[in-house]
Amino acid sequence: MIVLLVTFTVEKGHEDRALEFIRVMQQKTRQEPGCVKYTGHQSTENPRKFFFYEVYKDEAALEAHRAADYFKQYVTHGLDEIIESRERGLYKIVS
């Protein structure tokens, strides 16, 4: 399995729009056959800060997620346009 952690801050005034994109992405991504877990989070201390915790069966499942039409619509042409800063990290589960 592969874990992707994405933390990001949206531009001021775009918090509600980010929440809309996150809700749609959760609903669609959780239906992907290679998705194990996909959860968006919003900071309780700073409403402009968010993170995604994503778990996929393997790299191919992650690549299929990134290639989905809705990823392009809600991330590439959605969240990416309102993000002020972002960090990504790929992890493996310790067993």
C-alpha atoms as a PDB file:
ATOM      1  CA  MET A   1       0.000   0.000   0.000  1.00  0.00           C
ATOM      2  CA  ILE A   2       0.991   3.588  -0.548  1.00  0.00           C
ATOM      3  CA  VAL A   3      -0.045   6.610   1.504  1.00  0.00           C
ATOM      4  CA  LEU A   4      -0.184  10.149   0.191  1.00  0.00           C
ATOM      5  CA  LEU A   5      -0.404  13.074   2.601  1.00  0.00           C
ATOM      6  CA  VAL A   6      -1.142  16.454   1.035  1.00  0.00           C
ATOM      7  CA  THR A   7      -1.254  19.557   3.232  1.00  0.00           C
ATOM      8  CA  PHE A   8      -2.280  22.877   1.779  1.00  0.00           C
ATOM      9  CA  THR A   9      -3.436  26.387   2.568  1.00  0.00           C
ATOM     10  CA  VAL A  10      -6.011  28.104   0.391  1.00  0.00           C
ATOM     11  CA  GLU A  11      -6.155  31.784  -0.388  1.00  0.00           C
ATOM     12  CA  LYS A  12      -8.202  33.877   2.024  1.00  0.00           C
ATOM     13  CA  GLY A  13     -11.897  33.822   1.191  1.00  0.00           C
ATOM     14  CA  HIS A  14     -11.787  30.464  -0.636  1.00  0.00           C
ATOM     15  CA  GLU A  15     -12.415  28.177   2.336  1.00  0.00           C
ATOM     16  CA  ASP A  16     -16.001  27.301   1.354  1.00  0.00           C
ATOM     17  CA  ARG A  17     -14.992  26.599  -2.237  1.00  0.00           C
ATOM     18  CA  ALA A  18     -12.210  24.298  -1.001  1.00  0.00           C
ATOM     19  CA  LEU A  19     -14.724  22.428   1.161  1.00  0.00           C
ATOM     20  CA  GLU A  20     -16.971  21.904  -1.875  1.00  0.00           C
ATOM     21  CA  PHE A  21     -14.081  20.498  -3.934  1.00  0.00           C
ATOM     22  CA  ILE A  22     -12.993  18.246  -1.061  1.00  0.00           C
ATOM     23  CA  ARG A  23     -16.497  16.836  -0.575  1.00  0.00           C
ATOM     24  CA  VAL A  24     -16.823  15.992  -4.270  1.00  0.00           C
ATOM     25  CA  MET A  25     -13.346  14.432  -4.383  1.00  0.00           C
ATOM     26  CA  GLN A  26     -14.102  12.297  -1.326  1.00  0.00           C
ATOM     27  CA  GLN A  27     -17.323  10.999  -2.852  1.00  0.00           C
ATOM     28  CA  LYS A  28     -15.766  10.175  -6.229  1.00  0.00           C
ATOM     29  CA  THR A  29     -12.365   8.897  -5.080  1.00  0.00           C
ATOM     30  CA  ARG A  30     -13.805   6.526  -2.487  1.00  0.00           C
ATOM     31  CA  GLN A  31     -15.469   4.681  -5.381  1.00  0.00           C
ATOM     32  CA  GLU A  32     -12.152   3.966  -7.134  1.00  0.00           C
ATOM     33  CA  PRO A  33     -11.252   0.257  -7.002  1.00  0.00           C
ATOM     34  CA  GLY A  34      -7.682   1.004  -5.848  1.00  0.00           C
ATOM     35  CA  CYS A  35      -8.666   3.468  -3.114  1.00  0.00           C
ATOM     36  CA  VAL A  36      -8.403   2.138   0.440  1.00  0.00           C
ATOM     37  CA  LYS A  37      -9.003   5.443   2.252  1.00  0.00           C
ATOM     38  CA  TYR A  38      -9.478   9.054   1.176  1.00  0.00           C
ATOM     39  CA  THR A  39     -10.271  11.706   3.749  1.00  0.00           C
ATOM     40  CA  GLY A  40     -10.102  15.488   3.618  1.00  0.00           C
ATOM     41  CA  HIS A  41      -9.516  17.476   6.800  1.00  0.00           C
ATOM     42  CA  GLN A  42      -9.796  21.146   7.766  1.00  0.00           C
ATOM     43  CA  SER A  43      -7.764  22.679  10.583  1.00  0.00           C
ATOM     44  CA  THR A  44      -9.684  23.697  13.695  1.00  0.00           C
ATOM     45  CA  GLU A  45      -7.099  26.416  14.327  1.00  0.00           C
ATOM     46  CA  ASN A  46      -6.855  27.927  10.848  1.00  0.00           C
ATOM     47  CA  PRO A  47      -9.830  27.417   8.502  1.00  0.00           C
ATOM     48  CA  ARG A  48      -7.606  28.069   5.477  1.00  0.00           C
ATOM     49  CA  LYS A  49      -5.478  24.960   6.198  1.00  0.00           C
ATOM     50  CA  PHE A  50      -6.462  21.517   4.937  1.00  0.00           C
ATOM     51  CA  PHE A  51      -4.998  18.095   4.354  1.00  0.00           C
ATOM     52  CA  PHE A  52      -5.840  14.927   2.483  1.00  0.00           C
ATOM     53  CA  TYR A  53      -4.992  11.517   3.916  1.00  0.00           C
ATOM     54  CA  GLU A  54      -5.062   9.051   1.031  1.00  0.00           C
ATOM     55  CA  VAL A  55      -4.302   5.327   0.948  1.00  0.00           C
ATOM     56  CA  TYR A  56      -4.093   3.348  -2.287  1.00  0.00           C
ATOM     57  CA  LYS A  57      -3.462  -0.332  -2.987  1.00  0.00           C
ATOM     58  CA  ASP A  58      -0.374   0.524  -5.053  1.00  0.00           C
ATOM     59  CA  GLU A  59       1.289   3.124  -7.300  1.00  0.00           C
ATOM     60  CA  ALA A  60      -0.926   2.118 -10.233  1.00  0.00           C
ATOM     61  CA  ALA A  61      -4.034   2.950  -8.192  1.00  0.00           C
ATOM     62  CA  LEU A  62      -2.589   6.363  -7.309  1.00  0.00           C
ATOM     63  CA  GLU A  63      -1.786   7.037 -10.959  1.00  0.00           C
ATOM     64  CA  ALA A  64      -5.319   5.995 -11.981  1.00  0.00           C
ATOM     65  CA  HIS A  65      -6.668   8.457  -9.398  1.00  0.00           C
ATOM     66  CA  ARG A  66      -4.561  11.273 -10.817  1.00  0.00           C
ATOM     67  CA  ALA A  67      -5.684  10.416 -14.360  1.00  0.00           C
ATOM     68  CA  ALA A  68      -9.404  10.541 -13.555  1.00  0.00           C
ATOM     69  CA  ASP A  69     -11.437  13.237 -15.303  1.00  0.00           C
ATOM     70  CA  TYR A  70     -12.857  14.461 -12.009  1.00  0.00           C
ATOM     71  CA  PHE A  71      -9.309  14.887 -10.617  1.00  0.00           C
ATOM     72  CA  LYS A  72      -8.586  17.270 -13.461  1.00  0.00           C
ATOM     73  CA  GLN A  73     -11.865  19.093 -12.890  1.00  0.00           C
ATOM     74  CA  TYR A  74     -11.787  19.453  -9.087  1.00  0.00           C
ATOM     75  CA  VAL A  75      -8.057  19.426  -8.334  1.00  0.00           C
ATOM     76  CA  THR A  76      -6.127  20.627 -11.393  1.00  0.00           C
ATOM     77  CA  HIS A  77      -8.755  23.182 -12.423  1.00  0.00           C
ATOM     78  CA  GLY A  78     -10.293  23.604  -8.965  1.00  0.00           C
ATOM     79  CA  LEU A  79      -8.192  23.389  -5.824  1.00  0.00           C
ATOM     80  CA  ASP A  80      -4.914  24.136  -7.611  1.00  0.00           C
ATOM     81  CA  GLU A  81      -6.305  27.530  -8.615  1.00  0.00           C
ATOM     82  CA  ILE A  82      -7.030  28.609  -5.023  1.00  0.00           C
ATOM     83  CA  ILE A  83      -4.089  27.021  -3.197  1.00  0.00           C
ATOM     84  CA  GLU A  84      -1.581  29.416  -1.690  1.00  0.00           C
ATOM     85  CA  SER A  85       0.919  26.738  -0.558  1.00  0.00           C
ATOM     86  CA  ARG A  86       1.128  22.939  -0.610  1.00  0.00           C
ATOM     87  CA  GLU A  87       3.312  20.050   0.548  1.00  0.00           C
ATOM     88  CA  ARG A  88       3.046  16.432  -0.559  1.00  0.00           C
ATOM     89  CA  GLY A  89       4.604  13.295   0.821  1.00  0.00           C
ATOM     90  CA  LEU A  90       4.418   9.633  -0.142  1.00  0.00           C
ATOM     91  CA  TYR A  91       4.681   7.081   2.672  1.00  0.00           C
ATOM     92  CA  LYS A  92       4.605   3.363   3.210  1.00  0.00           C
ATOM     93  CA  ILE A  93       2.821   1.706   6.098  1.00  0.00           C
ATOM     94  CA  VAL A  94       5.186   0.348   8.736  1.00  0.00           C
ATOM     95  CA  SER A  95       4.485  -3.294   9.466  1.00  0.00           C
END
